[in-house]
Amino acid sequence: MFFSIGVVPGLVATVIFALPPGVRFTELGIRGVDSETVEAGYAFGATPGQILRGIQLPLAMPTIMAGINQVIMLALSMAVIAGMAGADGLGKLVVEAISTVNIGKGVEAGLGVVLIAVFLDRVTAALGTPGDQPSSLLGMLSRRRASQREQTADATAEPVVA
């Protein structure tokens, strides 16, 4: 009503709908960090900013990534509503298919939204797991870099003559 019809009302509705869970998950993650760890940071003379960046955010990363995952899923769920408001994209295709009873076009657009959601869900879930676990994307990347370093070190090492 405030923004007429088009991209802007779809974007505003999506942001208002999707952002609060991300903020809430971030707050829960930071509050969930062990207080003894934070006290140890203060004991070593860290400033509040250093504690936030160096202790609280890294330890809260799985919860923060779960919040980002939820924000992405909620934003994708608003794609059809944004399409009803006149925004372009897959949501508009779904709305057009529903209004013209074009089942093939509706299934195609709906599956597009679902496949994007599944892909982004898997990526954010992999980024949210700690690096020690085999399913972690960051863990896989760090192991790959380490194996590349070992290979280059082996290749540059001089052969030992006995």
N, C-alpha and C. Protein backbone atom coordinates (compact mmCIF):
# COMPACT_ATOMS: atom_id res chain seq x y z
N MET A 1 0.82 -1.18 0.00
CA MET A 1 0.00 0.00 0.00
C MET A 1 0.88 1.26 0.00
N PHE A 2 1.98 1.24 0.76
CA PHE A 2 2.87 2.40 0.82
C PHE A 2 3.72 2.54 -0.43
N PHE A 3 4.05 1.39 -1.06
CA PHE A 3 5.03 1.40 -2.14
C PHE A 3 4.46 1.09 -3.51
N SER A 4 3.13 1.02 -3.65
CA SER A 4 2.47 0.76 -4.92
C SER A 4 2.74 -0.69 -5.35
N ILE A 5 3.01 -0.91 -6.64
CA ILE A 5 3.20 -2.26 -7.18
C ILE A 5 4.56 -2.32 -7.84
N GLY A 6 5.26 -3.44 -7.66
CA GLY A 6 6.56 -3.61 -8.30
C GLY A 6 7.55 -4.32 -7.42
N VAL A 7 8.82 -4.03 -7.68
CA VAL A 7 9.91 -4.70 -6.98
C VAL A 7 10.04 -4.23 -5.54
N VAL A 8 9.87 -2.94 -5.30
CA VAL A 8 10.11 -2.37 -3.97
C VAL A 8 9.21 -2.98 -2.91
N PRO A 9 7.89 -3.09 -3.10
CA PRO A 9 7.09 -3.71 -2.03
C PRO A 9 7.46 -5.18 -1.80
N GLY A 10 7.83 -5.90 -2.85
CA GLY A 10 8.27 -7.29 -2.66
C GLY A 10 9.55 -7.37 -1.85
N LEU A 11 10.48 -6.47 -2.15
CA LEU A 11 11.74 -6.45 -1.42
C LEU A 11 11.54 -6.06 0.04
N VAL A 12 10.73 -5.05 0.29
CA VAL A 12 10.48 -4.60 1.67
C VAL A 12 9.79 -5.70 2.46
N ALA A 13 8.78 -6.34 1.86
CA ALA A 13 8.08 -7.42 2.56
C ALA A 13 9.02 -8.59 2.85
N THR A 14 9.89 -8.90 1.92
CA THR A 14 10.83 -10.01 2.11
C THR A 14 11.81 -9.70 3.24
N VAL A 15 12.34 -8.49 3.27
CA VAL A 15 13.30 -8.12 4.31
C VAL A 15 12.62 -8.11 5.69
N ILE A 16 11.43 -7.53 5.77
CA ILE A 16 10.73 -7.48 7.05
C ILE A 16 10.37 -8.88 7.53
N PHE A 17 10.04 -9.76 6.62
CA PHE A 17 9.64 -11.12 6.98
C PHE A 17 10.84 -11.99 7.34
N ALA A 18 11.96 -11.85 6.62
CA ALA A 18 13.07 -12.79 6.75
C ALA A 18 14.15 -12.38 7.75
N LEU A 19 14.30 -11.11 8.02
CA LEU A 19 15.42 -10.65 8.84
C LEU A 19 15.34 -10.99 10.33
N PRO A 20 14.19 -10.91 10.99
CA PRO A 20 14.17 -11.15 12.45
C PRO A 20 14.74 -12.49 12.91
N PRO A 21 14.50 -13.62 12.24
CA PRO A 21 15.12 -14.86 12.73
C PRO A 21 16.65 -14.82 12.69
N GLY A 22 17.22 -14.14 11.70
CA GLY A 22 18.68 -14.03 11.63
C GLY A 22 19.24 -13.24 12.80
N VAL A 23 18.56 -12.16 13.14
CA VAL A 23 18.99 -11.35 14.28
C VAL A 23 18.86 -12.14 15.58
N ARG A 24 17.76 -12.87 15.70
CA ARG A 24 17.52 -13.66 16.92
C ARG A 24 18.54 -14.79 17.06
N PHE A 25 18.82 -15.49 15.99
CA PHE A 25 19.81 -16.58 16.04
C PHE A 25 21.20 -16.03 16.37
N THR A 26 21.55 -14.88 15.83
CA THR A 26 22.85 -14.28 16.14
C THR A 26 22.94 -13.94 17.62
N GLU A 27 21.88 -13.34 18.15
CA GLU A 27 21.86 -13.01 19.57
C GLU A 27 21.97 -14.27 20.43
N LEU A 28 21.22 -15.31 20.07
CA LEU A 28 21.28 -16.56 20.84
C LEU A 28 22.65 -17.20 20.77
N GLY A 29 23.28 -17.13 19.60
CA GLY A 29 24.61 -17.71 19.46
C GLY A 29 25.64 -17.00 20.31
N ILE A 30 25.60 -15.67 20.31
CA ILE A 30 26.57 -14.91 21.10
C ILE A 30 26.31 -15.09 22.59
N ARG A 31 25.04 -15.10 22.99
CA ARG A 31 24.73 -15.31 24.41
C ARG A 31 25.04 -16.73 24.86
N GLY A 32 25.07 -17.68 23.92
CA GLY A 32 25.33 -19.07 24.26
C GLY A 32 26.79 -19.42 24.43
N VAL A 33 27.68 -18.47 24.16
CA VAL A 33 29.12 -18.73 24.34
C VAL A 33 29.40 -18.86 25.83
N ASP A 34 30.23 -19.82 26.17
CA ASP A 34 30.55 -20.10 27.57
C ASP A 34 31.13 -18.85 28.23
N SER A 35 30.59 -18.48 29.37
CA SER A 35 31.03 -17.27 30.06
C SER A 35 32.47 -17.39 30.56
N GLU A 36 32.92 -18.60 30.86
CA GLU A 36 34.31 -18.78 31.30
C GLU A 36 35.29 -18.46 30.18
N THR A 37 34.91 -18.76 28.95
CA THR A 37 35.77 -18.44 27.81
C THR A 37 35.88 -16.93 27.64
N VAL A 38 34.76 -16.24 27.80
CA VAL A 38 34.77 -14.78 27.69
C VAL A 38 35.59 -14.18 28.83
N GLU A 39 35.45 -14.73 30.04
CA GLU A 39 36.23 -14.24 31.18
C GLU A 39 37.72 -14.46 30.95
N ALA A 40 38.08 -15.56 30.31
CA ALA A 40 39.49 -15.82 30.01
C ALA A 40 40.02 -14.76 29.04
N GLY A 41 39.19 -14.36 28.09
CA GLY A 41 39.59 -13.29 27.17
C GLY A 41 39.82 -11.99 27.90
N TYR A 42 38.93 -11.66 28.83
CA TYR A 42 39.13 -10.44 29.63
C TYR A 42 40.39 -10.56 30.49
N ALA A 43 40.63 -11.77 31.02
CA ALA A 43 41.81 -11.97 31.87
C ALA A 43 43.10 -11.77 31.10
N PHE A 44 43.10 -12.08 29.82
CA PHE A 44 44.28 -11.87 29.00
C PHE A 44 44.37 -10.45 28.46
N GLY A 45 43.43 -9.59 28.85
CA GLY A 45 43.51 -8.17 28.50
C GLY A 45 42.86 -7.80 27.17
N ALA A 46 41.98 -8.62 26.67
CA ALA A 46 41.32 -8.31 25.40
C ALA A 46 40.24 -7.25 25.62
N THR A 47 40.07 -6.42 24.62
CA THR A 47 39.00 -5.41 24.67
C THR A 47 37.68 -6.08 24.31
N PRO A 48 36.55 -5.43 24.62
CA PRO A 48 35.26 -6.02 24.26
C PRO A 48 35.12 -6.31 22.76
N GLY A 49 35.67 -5.45 21.92
CA GLY A 49 35.62 -5.70 20.48
C GLY A 49 36.43 -6.92 20.08
N GLN A 50 37.60 -7.08 20.71
CA GLN A 50 38.43 -8.25 20.43
C GLN A 50 37.75 -9.53 20.90
N ILE A 51 37.08 -9.45 22.02
CA ILE A 51 36.37 -10.63 22.53
C ILE A 51 35.22 -11.00 21.60
N LEU A 52 34.51 -9.98 21.10
CA LEU A 52 33.41 -10.26 20.18
C LEU A 52 33.93 -10.90 18.90
N ARG A 53 34.97 -10.30 18.30
CA ARG A 53 35.50 -10.80 17.03
C ARG A 53 36.31 -12.08 17.18
N GLY A 54 37.03 -12.22 18.26
CA GLY A 54 37.96 -13.34 18.40
C GLY A 54 37.42 -14.53 19.17
N ILE A 55 36.42 -14.31 20.03
CA ILE A 55 35.93 -15.40 20.87
C ILE A 55 34.46 -15.69 20.58
N GLN A 56 33.61 -14.68 20.75
CA GLN A 56 32.18 -14.92 20.68
C GLN A 56 31.69 -15.27 19.27
N LEU A 57 32.08 -14.50 18.27
CA LEU A 57 31.59 -14.78 16.91
C LEU A 57 32.08 -16.12 16.38
N PRO A 58 33.37 -16.47 16.53
CA PRO A 58 33.77 -17.80 16.04
C PRO A 58 33.07 -18.96 16.76
N LEU A 59 32.86 -18.83 18.06
CA LEU A 59 32.19 -19.91 18.79
C LEU A 59 30.69 -19.96 18.51
N ALA A 60 30.12 -18.83 18.11
CA ALA A 60 28.69 -18.77 17.81
C ALA A 60 28.40 -19.04 16.33
N MET A 61 29.44 -19.30 15.54
CA MET A 61 29.26 -19.43 14.10
C MET A 61 28.25 -20.51 13.68
N PRO A 62 28.21 -21.69 14.29
CA PRO A 62 27.18 -22.65 13.88
C PRO A 62 25.76 -22.12 14.06
N THR A 63 25.50 -21.43 15.16
CA THR A 63 24.17 -20.87 15.39
C THR A 63 23.89 -19.72 14.44
N ILE A 64 24.89 -18.89 14.18
CA ILE A 64 24.72 -17.78 13.25
C ILE A 64 24.44 -18.31 11.85
N MET A 65 25.13 -19.36 11.44
CA MET A 65 24.89 -19.94 10.12
C MET A 65 23.51 -20.57 10.03
N ALA A 66 23.02 -21.13 11.14
CA ALA A 66 21.64 -21.63 11.15
C ALA A 66 20.66 -20.48 10.96
N GLY A 67 20.98 -19.33 11.55
CA GLY A 67 20.13 -18.15 11.35
C GLY A 67 20.17 -17.66 9.91
N ILE A 68 21.35 -17.66 9.29
CA ILE A 68 21.46 -17.27 7.89
C ILE A 68 20.68 -18.25 7.01
N ASN A 69 20.76 -19.52 7.35
CA ASN A 69 19.99 -20.53 6.63
C ASN A 69 18.50 -20.21 6.71
N GLN A 70 18.02 -19.89 7.88
CA GLN A 70 16.59 -19.58 8.03
C GLN A 70 16.21 -18.31 7.28
N VAL A 71 17.08 -17.32 7.29
CA VAL A 71 16.81 -16.08 6.55
C VAL A 71 16.67 -16.38 5.06
N ILE A 72 17.57 -17.21 4.53
CA ILE A 72 17.50 -17.56 3.11
C ILE A 72 16.22 -18.32 2.80
N MET A 73 15.87 -19.28 3.65
CA MET A 73 14.65 -20.06 3.41
C MET A 73 13.41 -19.18 3.48
N LEU A 74 13.35 -18.28 4.44
CA LEU A 74 12.19 -17.39 4.55
C LEU A 74 12.12 -16.42 3.37
N ALA A 75 13.27 -15.94 2.92
CA ALA A 75 13.28 -15.04 1.76
C ALA A 75 12.79 -15.77 0.52
N LEU A 76 13.21 -17.02 0.36
CA LEU A 76 12.72 -17.79 -0.79
C LEU A 76 11.23 -18.08 -0.68
N SER A 77 10.76 -18.26 0.53
CA SER A 77 9.32 -18.50 0.69
C SER A 77 8.50 -17.26 0.33
N MET A 78 9.11 -16.11 0.40
CA MET A 78 8.41 -14.87 0.04
C MET A 78 8.49 -14.57 -1.45
N ALA A 79 9.17 -15.41 -2.23
CA ALA A 79 9.32 -15.13 -3.66
C ALA A 79 7.98 -15.08 -4.36
N VAL A 80 7.07 -15.98 -4.02
CA VAL A 80 5.76 -15.99 -4.67
C VAL A 80 4.94 -14.78 -4.23
N ILE A 81 5.05 -14.42 -2.96
CA ILE A 81 4.32 -13.24 -2.47
C ILE A 81 4.85 -11.98 -3.16
N ALA A 82 6.16 -11.90 -3.34
CA ALA A 82 6.74 -10.77 -4.06
C ALA A 82 6.28 -10.77 -5.51
N GLY A 83 6.13 -11.94 -6.10
CA GLY A 83 5.59 -12.04 -7.45
C GLY A 83 4.17 -11.53 -7.53
N MET A 84 3.38 -11.77 -6.48
CA MET A 84 2.01 -11.23 -6.44
C MET A 84 2.01 -9.71 -6.36
N ALA A 85 3.07 -9.17 -5.75
CA ALA A 85 3.17 -7.71 -5.63
C ALA A 85 3.74 -7.07 -6.89
N GLY A 86 4.14 -7.91 -7.86
CA GLY A 86 4.62 -7.37 -9.13
C GLY A 86 6.11 -7.46 -9.33
N ALA A 87 6.84 -8.10 -8.43
CA ALA A 87 8.29 -8.22 -8.59
C ALA A 87 8.61 -9.32 -9.59
N ASP A 88 9.67 -9.13 -10.36
CA ASP A 88 10.08 -10.14 -11.32
C ASP A 88 10.77 -11.29 -10.62
N GLY A 89 10.91 -12.41 -11.31
CA GLY A 89 11.62 -13.55 -10.78
C GLY A 89 10.77 -14.80 -10.85
N LEU A 90 11.22 -15.85 -10.16
CA LEU A 90 10.49 -17.12 -10.17
C LEU A 90 9.11 -17.00 -9.55
N GLY A 91 8.98 -16.12 -8.56
CA GLY A 91 7.67 -15.92 -7.94
C GLY A 91 6.65 -15.40 -8.93
N LYS A 92 7.08 -14.51 -9.81
CA LYS A 92 6.17 -13.97 -10.83
C LYS A 92 5.75 -15.08 -11.79
N LEU A 93 6.69 -15.97 -12.12
CA LEU A 93 6.35 -17.09 -13.00
C LEU A 93 5.33 -18.02 -12.35
N VAL A 94 5.47 -18.26 -11.05
CA VAL A 94 4.52 -19.10 -10.34
C VAL A 94 3.14 -18.45 -10.35
N VAL A 95 3.08 -17.15 -10.08
CA VAL A 95 1.80 -16.44 -10.05
C VAL A 95 1.16 -16.44 -11.43
N GLU A 96 1.95 -16.21 -12.47
CA GLU A 96 1.41 -16.25 -13.84
C GLU A 96 0.86 -17.63 -14.17
N ALA A 97 1.59 -18.67 -13.76
CA ALA A 97 1.15 -20.04 -14.05
C ALA A 97 -0.15 -20.36 -13.31
N ILE A 98 -0.27 -19.89 -12.09
CA ILE A 98 -1.50 -20.13 -11.32
C ILE A 98 -2.67 -19.38 -11.95
N SER A 99 -2.44 -18.15 -12.35
CA SER A 99 -3.54 -17.34 -12.90
C SER A 99 -3.99 -17.83 -14.27
N THR A 100 -3.11 -18.45 -15.05
CA THR A 100 -3.48 -18.95 -16.38
C THR A 100 -3.69 -20.46 -16.39
N VAL A 101 -3.63 -21.10 -15.23
CA VAL A 101 -3.79 -22.54 -15.08
C VAL A 101 -2.84 -23.29 -16.01
N ASN A 102 -1.61 -22.83 -16.06
CA ASN A 102 -0.57 -23.47 -16.86
C ASN A 102 0.24 -24.37 -15.92
N ILE A 103 -0.12 -25.63 -15.85
CA ILE A 103 0.45 -26.54 -14.87
C ILE A 103 1.94 -26.77 -15.14
N GLY A 104 2.32 -26.92 -16.38
CA GLY A 104 3.73 -27.16 -16.71
C GLY A 104 4.62 -26.01 -16.27
N LYS A 105 4.19 -24.79 -16.58
CA LYS A 105 4.97 -23.61 -16.19
C LYS A 105 5.03 -23.47 -14.67
N GLY A 106 3.93 -23.78 -13.99
CA GLY A 106 3.90 -23.70 -12.53
C GLY A 106 4.82 -24.71 -11.87
N VAL A 107 4.81 -25.94 -12.40
CA VAL A 107 5.69 -26.98 -11.86
C VAL A 107 7.15 -26.61 -12.09
N GLU A 108 7.44 -26.10 -13.27
CA GLU A 108 8.82 -25.71 -13.60
C GLU A 108 9.31 -24.60 -12.67
N ALA A 109 8.50 -23.57 -12.50
CA ALA A 109 8.91 -22.45 -11.63
C ALA A 109 8.97 -22.89 -10.17
N GLY A 110 8.01 -23.70 -9.75
CA GLY A 110 8.02 -24.19 -8.36
C GLY A 110 9.22 -25.06 -8.07
N LEU A 111 9.56 -25.95 -9.02
CA LEU A 111 10.75 -26.79 -8.83
C LEU A 111 12.02 -25.95 -8.83
N GLY A 112 12.03 -24.86 -9.59
CA GLY A 112 13.18 -23.96 -9.56
C GLY A 112 13.39 -23.37 -8.18
N VAL A 113 12.32 -22.92 -7.55
CA VAL A 113 12.41 -22.37 -6.19
C VAL A 113 12.87 -23.45 -5.22
N VAL A 114 12.32 -24.64 -5.35
CA VAL A 114 12.68 -25.74 -4.44
C VAL A 114 14.15 -26.13 -4.60
N LEU A 115 14.62 -26.25 -5.84
CA LEU A 115 16.02 -26.63 -6.06
C LEU A 115 16.98 -25.57 -5.54
N ILE A 116 16.65 -24.30 -5.72
CA ILE A 116 17.48 -23.23 -5.16
C ILE A 116 17.50 -23.33 -3.64
N ALA A 117 16.34 -23.59 -3.04
CA ALA A 117 16.26 -23.70 -1.58
C ALA A 117 17.09 -24.87 -1.06
N VAL A 118 17.00 -26.02 -1.73
CA VAL A 118 17.77 -27.19 -1.29
C VAL A 118 19.26 -26.93 -1.42
N PHE A 119 19.68 -26.36 -2.54
CA PHE A 119 21.10 -26.08 -2.75
C PHE A 119 21.62 -25.11 -1.69
N LEU A 120 20.92 -24.00 -1.47
CA LEU A 120 21.38 -23.01 -0.49
C LEU A 120 21.32 -23.57 0.93
N ASP A 121 20.35 -24.44 1.21
CA ASP A 121 20.28 -25.08 2.52
C ASP A 121 21.51 -25.95 2.77
N ARG A 122 21.91 -26.72 1.78
CA ARG A 122 23.09 -27.58 1.93
C ARG A 122 24.37 -26.77 2.07
N VAL A 123 24.49 -25.70 1.30
CA VAL A 123 25.71 -24.88 1.38
C VAL A 123 25.81 -24.22 2.75
N THR A 124 24.74 -23.61 3.24
CA THR A 124 24.81 -22.94 4.54
C THR A 124 24.96 -23.95 5.68
N ALA A 125 24.39 -25.14 5.53
CA ALA A 125 24.58 -26.17 6.56
C ALA A 125 26.03 -26.62 6.60
N ALA A 126 26.66 -26.75 5.43
CA ALA A 126 28.07 -27.15 5.39
C ALA A 126 28.96 -26.06 5.96
N LEU A 127 28.64 -24.81 5.71
CA LEU A 127 29.44 -23.72 6.26
C LEU A 127 29.26 -23.57 7.76
N GLY A 128 28.13 -24.03 8.29
CA GLY A 128 27.85 -23.88 9.71
C GLY A 128 28.43 -24.94 10.59
N THR A 129 28.89 -26.06 10.00
CA THR A 129 29.45 -27.13 10.82
C THR A 129 30.91 -26.82 11.13
N PRO A 130 31.39 -27.22 12.30
CA PRO A 130 32.79 -26.97 12.63
C PRO A 130 33.72 -27.64 11.63
N GLY A 131 34.93 -27.12 11.48
CA GLY A 131 35.88 -27.59 10.49
C GLY A 131 36.40 -29.00 10.71
N ASP A 132 36.24 -29.58 11.89
CA ASP A 132 36.75 -30.92 12.16
C ASP A 132 35.92 -31.99 11.49
N GLN A 133 34.64 -31.70 11.26
CA GLN A 133 33.75 -32.73 10.73
C GLN A 133 33.97 -32.92 9.23
N PRO A 134 33.83 -34.15 8.75
CA PRO A 134 34.07 -34.39 7.34
C PRO A 134 33.08 -33.69 6.43
N SER A 135 31.87 -33.40 6.91
CA SER A 135 30.86 -32.78 6.06
C SER A 135 31.04 -31.27 5.94
N SER A 136 31.97 -30.71 6.66
CA SER A 136 32.15 -29.27 6.65
C SER A 136 32.84 -28.81 5.37
N LEU A 137 32.27 -27.83 4.71
CA LEU A 137 32.86 -27.28 3.50
C LEU A 137 34.20 -26.62 3.80
N LEU A 138 34.26 -25.88 4.89
CA LEU A 138 35.52 -25.23 5.27
C LEU A 138 36.57 -26.27 5.63
N GLY A 139 36.16 -27.35 6.30
CA GLY A 139 37.09 -28.42 6.62
C GLY A 139 37.64 -29.08 5.38
N MET A 140 36.77 -29.29 4.39
CA MET A 140 37.23 -29.90 3.13
C MET A 140 38.21 -28.98 2.42
N LEU A 141 37.92 -27.68 2.41
CA LEU A 141 38.82 -26.75 1.74
C LEU A 141 40.17 -26.68 2.43
N SER A 142 40.17 -26.69 3.77
CA SER A 142 41.45 -26.62 4.48
C SER A 142 42.26 -27.91 4.29
N ARG A 143 41.58 -29.07 4.25
CA ARG A 143 42.30 -30.33 3.99
C ARG A 143 42.86 -30.35 2.57
N ARG A 144 42.13 -29.80 1.61
CA ARG A 144 42.61 -29.76 0.24
C ARG A 144 43.85 -28.87 0.13
N ARG A 145 43.80 -27.69 0.79
CA ARG A 145 44.97 -26.81 0.77
C ARG A 145 46.18 -27.47 1.41
N ALA A 146 45.95 -28.19 2.52
CA ALA A 146 47.06 -28.86 3.20
C ALA A 146 47.66 -29.95 2.31
N SER A 147 46.82 -30.69 1.61
CA SER A 147 47.36 -31.74 0.73
C SER A 147 48.10 -31.12 -0.46
N GLN A 148 47.63 -29.97 -0.96
CA GLN A 148 48.35 -29.30 -2.04
C GLN A 148 49.71 -28.80 -1.56
N ARG A 149 49.76 -28.28 -0.34
CA ARG A 149 51.03 -27.83 0.22
C ARG A 149 52.00 -28.99 0.36
N GLU A 150 51.51 -30.14 0.82
CA GLU A 150 52.36 -31.32 0.97
C GLU A 150 52.89 -31.78 -0.38
N GLN A 151 52.04 -31.74 -1.40
CA GLN A 151 52.47 -32.16 -2.73
C GLN A 151 53.54 -31.23 -3.28
N THR A 152 53.37 -29.93 -3.10
CA THR A 152 54.38 -28.99 -3.60
C THR A 152 55.66 -29.11 -2.79
N ALA A 153 55.55 -29.39 -1.49
CA ALA A 153 56.74 -29.57 -0.67
C ALA A 153 57.49 -30.84 -1.09
N ASP A 154 56.75 -31.90 -1.40
CA ASP A 154 57.38 -33.13 -1.86
C ASP A 154 58.04 -32.94 -3.22
N ALA A 155 57.40 -32.17 -4.07
CA ALA A 155 57.94 -31.95 -5.43
C ALA A 155 59.19 -31.09 -5.42
N THR A 156 59.27 -30.15 -4.48
CA THR A 156 60.42 -29.26 -4.44
C THR A 156 61.56 -29.81 -3.59
N ALA A 157 61.29 -30.87 -2.84
CA ALA A 157 62.35 -31.44 -2.00
C ALA A 157 63.41 -32.11 -2.88
N GLU A 158 64.65 -31.94 -2.49
CA GLU A 158 65.77 -32.53 -3.26
C GLU A 158 65.88 -33.99 -2.93
N PRO A 159 66.14 -34.81 -3.91
CA PRO A 159 66.29 -36.24 -3.63
C PRO A 159 67.56 -36.48 -2.80
N VAL A 160 67.44 -37.44 -1.92
CA VAL A 160 68.56 -37.79 -1.05
C VAL A 160 69.35 -38.90 -1.72
N VAL A 161 70.63 -38.65 -1.87
CA VAL A 161 71.52 -39.64 -2.49
C VAL A 161 72.21 -40.41 -1.39
N ALA A 162 72.06 -41.73 -1.42
CA ALA A 162 72.65 -42.55 -0.36
C ALA A 162 73.99 -43.07 -0.77
